[in-house]
């Protein structure tokens, strides 16, 4: 698990699938909040909008965004709205990291002079994660819509 703090959001890179129903997800997130709270010594309370992005190959990326509502801060509670979004992830990669195995097991998109890979075989996931930036959410839709597929 990796945490990134960005623009009033906590982004959790899980690298495991969360195929849970709504109630199980709420319980999972309550435990996750407690773990983050303890490990990073953060004050976590209030109302959170939670987007769970799920990719078949990578697993899940979770965006936790706190919405400032005084009621929840006053009572030191956590409440949440959870959205589950199934979407492929893309991987932004530099030219220097290309090798035959990666090229044979991905679909390559070129957008704004950058290369983005869509994985077609899970066996290369560890190799790609080490040398790229994971792209998810609306940015994936934009890239896939406006880019060109290329063969290298």
N, C-alpha and C. Protein backbone atom coordinates (compact mmCIF):
# COMPACT_ATOMS: atom_id res chain seq x y z
N UNK A 1 0.84 -1.17 0.00
CA UNK A 1 0.00 0.00 0.00
C UNK A 1 0.89 1.24 0.00
N UNK A 2 0.52 2.19 -0.85
CA UNK A 2 1.25 3.45 -0.94
C UNK A 2 0.25 4.58 -0.80
N UNK A 3 0.60 5.60 0.00
CA UNK A 3 -0.26 6.77 0.19
C UNK A 3 0.38 7.99 -0.44
N UNK A 4 -0.45 8.80 -1.09
CA UNK A 4 -0.02 10.07 -1.66
C UNK A 4 -1.02 11.13 -1.20
N UNK A 5 -0.52 12.25 -0.73
CA UNK A 5 -1.37 13.37 -0.33
C UNK A 5 -1.30 14.42 -1.43
N UNK A 6 -2.46 14.72 -2.05
CA UNK A 6 -2.47 15.63 -3.19
C UNK A 6 -3.78 16.40 -3.23
N UNK A 7 -3.69 17.73 -3.24
CA UNK A 7 -4.87 18.60 -3.42
C UNK A 7 -6.05 18.21 -2.52
N UNK A 8 -5.87 18.20 -1.24
CA UNK A 8 -6.92 17.88 -0.28
C UNK A 8 -7.46 16.45 -0.44
N UNK A 9 -6.69 15.59 -1.09
CA UNK A 9 -7.08 14.20 -1.27
C UNK A 9 -5.99 13.30 -0.70
N UNK A 10 -6.43 12.15 -0.22
CA UNK A 10 -5.50 11.08 0.12
C UNK A 10 -5.72 10.01 -0.94
N UNK A 11 -4.65 9.64 -1.63
CA UNK A 11 -4.74 8.63 -2.68
C UNK A 11 -4.03 7.38 -2.18
N UNK A 12 -4.75 6.28 -2.17
CA UNK A 12 -4.22 5.01 -1.68
C UNK A 12 -4.07 4.06 -2.87
N UNK A 13 -2.84 3.64 -3.14
CA UNK A 13 -2.56 2.67 -4.19
C UNK A 13 -2.52 1.29 -3.53
N UNK A 14 -3.54 0.48 -3.78
CA UNK A 14 -3.67 -0.80 -3.08
C UNK A 14 -3.04 -1.98 -3.81
N UNK A 15 -3.08 -1.99 -5.09
CA UNK A 15 -2.58 -3.11 -5.87
C UNK A 15 -3.24 -4.42 -5.47
N UNK A 16 -4.51 -4.34 -5.10
CA UNK A 16 -5.33 -5.53 -4.89
C UNK A 16 -6.77 -5.16 -5.19
N UNK A 17 -7.54 -6.15 -5.62
CA UNK A 17 -8.92 -5.91 -6.01
C UNK A 17 -9.83 -5.80 -4.79
N UNK A 18 -10.76 -4.87 -4.86
CA UNK A 18 -11.77 -4.71 -3.81
C UNK A 18 -13.14 -5.06 -4.38
N UNK A 19 -13.38 -6.31 -4.61
CA UNK A 19 -14.68 -6.74 -5.11
C UNK A 19 -15.58 -7.03 -3.92
N UNK A 20 -16.04 -5.94 -3.28
CA UNK A 20 -16.86 -6.04 -2.08
C UNK A 20 -18.17 -5.31 -2.32
N UNK A 21 -19.21 -5.71 -1.57
CA UNK A 21 -20.45 -4.95 -1.67
C UNK A 21 -20.33 -3.66 -0.84
N UNK A 22 -21.35 -2.82 -0.92
CA UNK A 22 -21.30 -1.49 -0.29
C UNK A 22 -21.02 -1.56 1.22
N UNK A 23 -21.68 -2.45 1.93
CA UNK A 23 -21.51 -2.57 3.39
C UNK A 23 -20.09 -3.04 3.72
N UNK A 24 -19.59 -4.02 2.97
CA UNK A 24 -18.23 -4.51 3.20
C UNK A 24 -17.20 -3.41 2.91
N UNK A 25 -17.46 -2.60 1.88
CA UNK A 25 -16.57 -1.49 1.58
C UNK A 25 -16.54 -0.47 2.72
N UNK A 26 -17.70 -0.16 3.28
CA UNK A 26 -17.74 0.79 4.40
C UNK A 26 -16.91 0.27 5.57
N UNK A 27 -17.06 -1.00 5.90
CA UNK A 27 -16.27 -1.58 6.99
C UNK A 27 -14.79 -1.58 6.65
N UNK A 28 -14.46 -1.89 5.41
CA UNK A 28 -13.06 -1.88 4.97
C UNK A 28 -12.47 -0.48 5.14
N UNK A 29 -13.22 0.55 4.73
CA UNK A 29 -12.71 1.91 4.81
C UNK A 29 -12.58 2.40 6.24
N UNK A 30 -13.47 1.97 7.11
CA UNK A 30 -13.34 2.36 8.52
C UNK A 30 -12.03 1.80 9.09
N UNK A 31 -11.71 0.56 8.76
CA UNK A 31 -10.44 -0.03 9.19
C UNK A 31 -9.26 0.69 8.54
N UNK A 32 -9.40 1.03 7.26
CA UNK A 32 -8.34 1.74 6.55
C UNK A 32 -8.10 3.11 7.18
N UNK A 33 -9.17 3.83 7.53
CA UNK A 33 -9.03 5.13 8.18
C UNK A 33 -8.27 4.99 9.50
N UNK A 34 -8.62 3.99 10.28
CA UNK A 34 -7.93 3.78 11.55
C UNK A 34 -6.45 3.49 11.35
N UNK A 35 -6.15 2.67 10.33
CA UNK A 35 -4.75 2.35 10.04
C UNK A 35 -3.97 3.58 9.60
N UNK A 36 -4.56 4.39 8.73
CA UNK A 36 -3.90 5.62 8.27
C UNK A 36 -3.73 6.59 9.44
N UNK A 37 -4.76 6.69 10.24
CA UNK A 37 -4.75 7.60 11.39
C UNK A 37 -3.59 7.25 12.34
N UNK A 38 -3.45 5.97 12.62
CA UNK A 38 -2.40 5.51 13.54
C UNK A 38 -1.01 5.63 12.93
N UNK A 39 -0.86 5.14 11.72
CA UNK A 39 0.46 5.09 11.08
C UNK A 39 1.01 6.47 10.75
N UNK A 40 0.14 7.38 10.28
CA UNK A 40 0.59 8.70 9.83
C UNK A 40 0.25 9.82 10.81
N UNK A 41 -0.34 9.45 11.95
CA UNK A 41 -0.68 10.41 12.99
C UNK A 41 -1.52 11.57 12.43
N UNK A 42 -2.55 11.23 11.67
CA UNK A 42 -3.43 12.22 11.05
C UNK A 42 -4.75 12.28 11.79
N UNK A 43 -5.35 13.44 11.77
CA UNK A 43 -6.70 13.60 12.30
C UNK A 43 -7.67 13.36 11.15
N UNK A 44 -8.33 12.24 11.17
CA UNK A 44 -9.28 11.89 10.12
C UNK A 44 -10.68 11.83 10.71
N UNK A 45 -11.49 12.79 10.37
CA UNK A 45 -12.89 12.75 10.73
C UNK A 45 -13.64 13.60 9.72
N UNK A 46 -14.94 13.46 9.71
CA UNK A 46 -15.74 14.24 8.79
C UNK A 46 -16.39 13.38 7.74
N UNK A 47 -16.78 14.05 6.68
CA UNK A 47 -17.48 13.39 5.58
C UNK A 47 -16.50 13.24 4.42
N UNK A 48 -16.39 12.02 3.89
CA UNK A 48 -15.46 11.74 2.79
C UNK A 48 -16.19 11.24 1.56
N UNK A 49 -15.82 11.82 0.43
CA UNK A 49 -16.21 11.27 -0.86
C UNK A 49 -15.10 10.31 -1.25
N UNK A 50 -15.47 9.07 -1.50
CA UNK A 50 -14.47 8.04 -1.80
C UNK A 50 -14.74 7.47 -3.18
N UNK A 51 -13.75 7.59 -4.05
CA UNK A 51 -13.81 6.97 -5.37
C UNK A 51 -12.86 5.78 -5.37
N UNK A 52 -13.40 4.62 -5.70
CA UNK A 52 -12.60 3.40 -5.80
C UNK A 52 -12.48 3.06 -7.28
N UNK A 53 -11.28 3.21 -7.82
CA UNK A 53 -11.02 2.89 -9.22
C UNK A 53 -10.47 1.47 -9.26
N UNK A 54 -11.11 0.62 -10.05
CA UNK A 54 -10.71 -0.80 -10.11
C UNK A 54 -10.30 -1.16 -11.52
N UNK A 55 -9.11 -1.70 -11.64
CA UNK A 55 -8.56 -2.19 -12.90
C UNK A 55 -8.36 -3.70 -12.77
N UNK A 56 -8.67 -4.45 -13.81
CA UNK A 56 -8.57 -5.92 -13.75
C UNK A 56 -7.15 -6.40 -13.50
N UNK A 57 -6.15 -5.67 -13.92
CA UNK A 57 -4.77 -6.12 -13.80
C UNK A 57 -4.09 -5.57 -12.54
N UNK A 58 -4.24 -4.29 -12.27
CA UNK A 58 -3.55 -3.66 -11.14
C UNK A 58 -4.24 -3.92 -9.81
N UNK A 59 -5.53 -3.73 -9.78
CA UNK A 59 -6.27 -3.79 -8.53
C UNK A 59 -7.02 -2.50 -8.32
N UNK A 60 -6.79 -1.83 -7.17
CA UNK A 60 -7.58 -0.65 -6.83
C UNK A 60 -6.72 0.55 -6.46
N UNK A 61 -7.22 1.71 -6.82
CA UNK A 61 -6.69 2.98 -6.36
C UNK A 61 -7.87 3.71 -5.74
N UNK A 62 -7.66 4.23 -4.55
CA UNK A 62 -8.73 4.87 -3.80
C UNK A 62 -8.40 6.34 -3.59
N UNK A 63 -9.34 7.21 -3.93
CA UNK A 63 -9.22 8.63 -3.65
C UNK A 63 -10.16 8.98 -2.51
N UNK A 64 -9.61 9.51 -1.43
CA UNK A 64 -10.39 9.94 -0.29
C UNK A 64 -10.35 11.46 -0.25
N UNK A 65 -11.51 12.09 -0.40
CA UNK A 65 -11.55 13.55 -0.37
C UNK A 65 -12.47 14.01 0.75
N UNK A 66 -11.91 14.78 1.68
CA UNK A 66 -12.66 15.28 2.82
C UNK A 66 -13.50 16.46 2.39
N UNK A 67 -14.78 16.40 2.75
CA UNK A 67 -15.67 17.53 2.50
C UNK A 67 -15.91 18.20 3.85
N UNK A 68 -15.56 19.45 3.95
CA UNK A 68 -15.63 20.17 5.22
C UNK A 68 -17.07 20.43 5.64
N UNK A 69 -17.56 19.65 6.58
CA UNK A 69 -18.87 19.84 7.17
C UNK A 69 -18.68 19.88 8.69
N UNK A 70 -19.09 20.95 9.34
CA UNK A 70 -18.83 21.14 10.76
C UNK A 70 -19.45 20.06 11.63
N UNK A 71 -20.61 19.58 11.27
CA UNK A 71 -21.30 18.58 12.09
C UNK A 71 -20.39 17.40 12.39
N UNK A 72 -19.75 16.85 11.35
CA UNK A 72 -18.91 15.68 11.53
C UNK A 72 -17.64 16.01 12.30
N UNK A 73 -17.07 17.18 12.08
CA UNK A 73 -15.87 17.57 12.81
C UNK A 73 -16.18 17.77 14.29
N UNK A 74 -17.35 18.28 14.60
CA UNK A 74 -17.73 18.53 15.98
C UNK A 74 -17.86 17.23 16.75
N UNK A 75 -18.46 16.22 16.15
CA UNK A 75 -18.68 14.96 16.84
C UNK A 75 -17.57 13.94 16.62
N UNK A 76 -16.52 14.32 15.90
CA UNK A 76 -15.38 13.44 15.66
C UNK A 76 -15.80 12.12 15.01
N UNK A 77 -16.67 12.20 14.01
CA UNK A 77 -17.18 11.03 13.31
C UNK A 77 -16.64 10.97 11.90
N UNK A 78 -16.78 9.80 11.30
CA UNK A 78 -16.44 9.63 9.89
C UNK A 78 -17.68 9.09 9.18
N UNK A 79 -18.04 9.74 8.09
CA UNK A 79 -19.11 9.26 7.24
C UNK A 79 -18.60 9.32 5.81
N UNK A 80 -19.20 8.56 4.91
CA UNK A 80 -18.63 8.49 3.57
C UNK A 80 -19.67 8.19 2.51
N UNK A 81 -19.37 8.67 1.30
CA UNK A 81 -20.11 8.32 0.09
C UNK A 81 -19.11 7.59 -0.80
N UNK A 82 -19.44 6.36 -1.19
CA UNK A 82 -18.50 5.53 -1.93
C UNK A 82 -19.00 5.33 -3.36
N UNK A 83 -18.10 5.57 -4.33
CA UNK A 83 -18.38 5.26 -5.74
C UNK A 83 -17.34 4.26 -6.21
N UNK A 84 -17.79 3.21 -6.85
CA UNK A 84 -16.89 2.22 -7.43
C UNK A 84 -16.90 2.41 -8.94
N UNK A 85 -15.69 2.62 -9.49
CA UNK A 85 -15.55 2.91 -10.92
C UNK A 85 -14.62 1.86 -11.53
N UNK A 86 -15.16 1.00 -12.38
CA UNK A 86 -14.32 0.01 -13.07
C UNK A 86 -13.80 0.63 -14.35
N UNK A 87 -12.49 0.70 -14.46
CA UNK A 87 -11.86 1.38 -15.58
C UNK A 87 -10.47 0.80 -15.79
N UNK A 88 -10.01 0.74 -17.02
CA UNK A 88 -8.61 0.32 -17.20
C UNK A 88 -7.67 1.43 -16.72
N UNK A 89 -6.51 1.04 -16.25
CA UNK A 89 -5.46 2.00 -15.91
C UNK A 89 -4.49 2.05 -17.07
N UNK A 90 -3.89 3.19 -17.26
CA UNK A 90 -2.82 3.34 -18.23
C UNK A 90 -1.53 3.62 -17.47
N UNK A 91 -0.42 3.37 -18.12
CA UNK A 91 0.89 3.54 -17.49
C UNK A 91 1.74 4.42 -18.38
N UNK A 92 2.08 5.62 -17.87
CA UNK A 92 2.92 6.54 -18.62
C UNK A 92 4.36 6.10 -18.46
N UNK A 93 5.04 5.90 -19.58
CA UNK A 93 6.38 5.32 -19.53
C UNK A 93 7.32 6.10 -20.45
N UNK A 94 8.59 6.15 -20.08
CA UNK A 94 9.61 6.80 -20.90
C UNK A 94 10.13 5.81 -21.94
N UNK A 95 10.63 6.34 -23.03
CA UNK A 95 11.16 5.52 -24.11
C UNK A 95 12.29 4.60 -23.65
N UNK A 96 13.07 5.04 -22.68
CA UNK A 96 14.25 4.27 -22.26
C UNK A 96 13.90 2.95 -21.57
N UNK A 97 12.65 2.79 -21.14
CA UNK A 97 12.27 1.57 -20.43
C UNK A 97 11.58 0.54 -21.32
N UNK A 98 11.54 0.76 -22.59
CA UNK A 98 10.87 -0.16 -23.50
C UNK A 98 11.69 -1.42 -23.70
N UNK A 99 11.03 -2.53 -23.62
CA UNK A 99 11.67 -3.79 -24.00
C UNK A 99 10.63 -4.66 -24.70
N UNK A 100 11.10 -5.72 -25.34
CA UNK A 100 10.24 -6.55 -26.18
C UNK A 100 9.07 -7.17 -25.40
N UNK A 101 9.34 -7.63 -24.18
CA UNK A 101 8.28 -8.26 -23.39
C UNK A 101 7.15 -7.27 -23.09
N UNK A 102 7.52 -6.04 -22.70
CA UNK A 102 6.50 -5.02 -22.43
C UNK A 102 5.73 -4.68 -23.71
N UNK A 103 6.43 -4.52 -24.79
CA UNK A 103 5.78 -4.16 -26.05
C UNK A 103 4.80 -5.23 -26.54
N UNK A 104 5.12 -6.50 -26.29
CA UNK A 104 4.27 -7.60 -26.74
C UNK A 104 3.03 -7.81 -25.88
N UNK A 105 3.02 -7.24 -24.68
CA UNK A 105 1.92 -7.50 -23.75
C UNK A 105 1.17 -6.22 -23.36
N UNK A 106 1.20 -5.23 -24.26
CA UNK A 106 0.50 -3.98 -24.00
C UNK A 106 -0.08 -3.41 -25.30
N UNK A 107 -1.04 -2.52 -25.12
CA UNK A 107 -1.52 -1.68 -26.21
C UNK A 107 -0.92 -0.31 -25.93
N UNK A 108 -0.31 0.30 -26.94
CA UNK A 108 0.43 1.54 -26.74
C UNK A 108 -0.35 2.70 -27.35
N UNK A 109 -0.49 3.75 -26.56
CA UNK A 109 -1.14 4.98 -27.01
C UNK A 109 -0.11 6.11 -26.95
N UNK A 110 -0.15 6.99 -27.95
CA UNK A 110 0.71 8.16 -27.94
C UNK A 110 -0.19 9.39 -27.85
N UNK A 111 0.10 10.23 -26.85
CA UNK A 111 -0.71 11.41 -26.61
C UNK A 111 0.20 12.51 -26.05
N UNK A 112 0.19 13.67 -26.68
CA UNK A 112 1.04 14.80 -26.27
C UNK A 112 2.51 14.39 -26.12
N UNK A 113 3.00 13.65 -27.08
CA UNK A 113 4.40 13.20 -27.12
C UNK A 113 4.81 12.32 -25.94
N UNK A 114 3.84 11.66 -25.35
CA UNK A 114 4.12 10.70 -24.28
C UNK A 114 3.51 9.36 -24.65
N UNK A 115 4.10 8.29 -24.14
CA UNK A 115 3.59 6.95 -24.37
C UNK A 115 2.82 6.46 -23.15
N UNK A 116 1.67 5.83 -23.41
CA UNK A 116 0.84 5.24 -22.37
C UNK A 116 0.56 3.80 -22.75
N UNK A 117 0.75 2.92 -21.80
CA UNK A 117 0.52 1.50 -22.05
C UNK A 117 -0.74 1.04 -21.34
N UNK A 118 -1.49 0.20 -22.03
CA UNK A 118 -2.61 -0.51 -21.43
C UNK A 118 -2.21 -1.98 -21.40
N UNK A 119 -2.16 -2.54 -20.23
CA UNK A 119 -1.69 -3.92 -20.05
C UNK A 119 -2.70 -4.91 -20.60
N UNK A 120 -2.19 -5.94 -21.27
CA UNK A 120 -3.04 -7.02 -21.76
C UNK A 120 -2.66 -8.36 -21.13
N UNK A 121 -1.62 -8.36 -20.30
CA UNK A 121 -1.15 -9.58 -19.64
C UNK A 121 -0.57 -9.21 -18.28
N UNK A 122 -1.13 -9.76 -17.23
CA UNK A 122 -0.74 -9.39 -15.86
C UNK A 122 0.72 -9.72 -15.53
N UNK A 123 1.34 -10.59 -16.29
CA UNK A 123 2.70 -11.02 -15.95
C UNK A 123 3.74 -9.90 -16.03
N UNK A 124 3.42 -8.81 -16.72
CA UNK A 124 4.39 -7.71 -16.82
C UNK A 124 4.09 -6.57 -15.85
N UNK A 125 3.06 -6.71 -15.03
CA UNK A 125 2.65 -5.63 -14.14
C UNK A 125 3.80 -5.14 -13.25
N UNK A 126 4.49 -6.05 -12.58
CA UNK A 126 5.58 -5.64 -11.68
C UNK A 126 6.69 -4.90 -12.42
N UNK A 127 6.96 -5.32 -13.62
CA UNK A 127 8.00 -4.68 -14.42
C UNK A 127 7.61 -3.25 -14.80
N UNK A 128 6.35 -3.06 -15.14
CA UNK A 128 5.86 -1.74 -15.56
C UNK A 128 5.72 -0.80 -14.36
N UNK A 129 5.21 -1.29 -13.25
CA UNK A 129 4.98 -0.44 -12.09
C UNK A 129 6.27 0.24 -11.63
N UNK A 130 7.38 -0.44 -11.74
CA UNK A 130 8.66 0.09 -11.27
C UNK A 130 9.13 1.31 -12.06
N UNK A 131 8.72 1.44 -13.30
CA UNK A 131 9.30 2.48 -14.15
C UNK A 131 8.26 3.41 -14.79
N UNK A 132 7.08 3.51 -14.20
CA UNK A 132 6.07 4.34 -14.84
C UNK A 132 5.18 5.04 -13.82
N UNK A 133 4.35 5.89 -14.34
CA UNK A 133 3.35 6.59 -13.54
C UNK A 133 1.99 6.01 -13.90
N UNK A 134 1.20 5.67 -12.90
CA UNK A 134 -0.13 5.09 -13.13
C UNK A 134 -1.13 6.21 -13.40
N UNK A 135 -1.89 6.05 -14.48
CA UNK A 135 -2.92 7.02 -14.86
C UNK A 135 -4.28 6.32 -14.69
N UNK A 136 -5.22 6.99 -14.05
CA UNK A 136 -6.55 6.41 -13.81
C UNK A 136 -7.60 7.51 -13.86
N UNK A 137 -8.86 7.11 -13.87
CA UNK A 137 -9.95 8.08 -13.82
C UNK A 137 -10.22 8.76 -15.15
N UNK A 138 -10.63 10.02 -15.07
CA UNK A 138 -11.02 10.77 -16.27
C UNK A 138 -9.86 10.96 -17.24
N UNK A 139 -8.65 11.01 -16.74
CA UNK A 139 -7.48 11.19 -17.61
C UNK A 139 -7.35 10.00 -18.57
N UNK A 140 -7.69 8.80 -18.13
CA UNK A 140 -7.65 7.62 -19.01
C UNK A 140 -8.62 7.79 -20.16
N UNK A 141 -9.84 8.22 -19.86
CA UNK A 141 -10.83 8.43 -20.92
C UNK A 141 -10.34 9.44 -21.94
N UNK A 142 -9.75 10.52 -21.45
CA UNK A 142 -9.23 11.57 -22.34
C UNK A 142 -8.13 11.01 -23.25
N UNK A 143 -7.19 10.30 -22.66
CA UNK A 143 -6.07 9.75 -23.43
C UNK A 143 -6.56 8.76 -24.47
N UNK A 144 -7.43 7.84 -24.08
CA UNK A 144 -7.91 6.83 -25.01
C UNK A 144 -8.76 7.43 -26.13
N UNK A 145 -9.45 8.52 -25.83
CA UNK A 145 -10.30 9.17 -26.83
C UNK A 145 -9.47 10.00 -27.83
N UNK A 146 -8.47 10.71 -27.33
CA UNK A 146 -7.74 11.67 -28.16
C UNK A 146 -6.39 11.18 -28.67
N UNK A 147 -5.97 10.01 -28.24
CA UNK A 147 -4.64 9.53 -28.62
C UNK A 147 -4.67 8.69 -29.88
N UNK A 148 -3.49 8.30 -30.31
CA UNK A 148 -3.35 7.38 -31.43
C UNK A 148 -2.71 6.11 -30.91
N UNK A 149 -3.24 4.97 -31.34
CA UNK A 149 -2.56 3.70 -31.05
C UNK A 149 -1.33 3.63 -31.92
N UNK A 150 -0.23 3.19 -31.33
CA UNK A 150 1.00 3.08 -32.10
C UNK A 150 1.59 1.69 -31.93
N UNK A 151 2.42 1.33 -32.89
CA UNK A 151 3.18 0.07 -32.83
C UNK A 151 4.65 0.45 -32.85
N UNK A 152 5.37 -0.07 -31.90
CA UNK A 152 6.80 0.24 -31.81
C UNK A 152 7.61 -1.03 -32.07
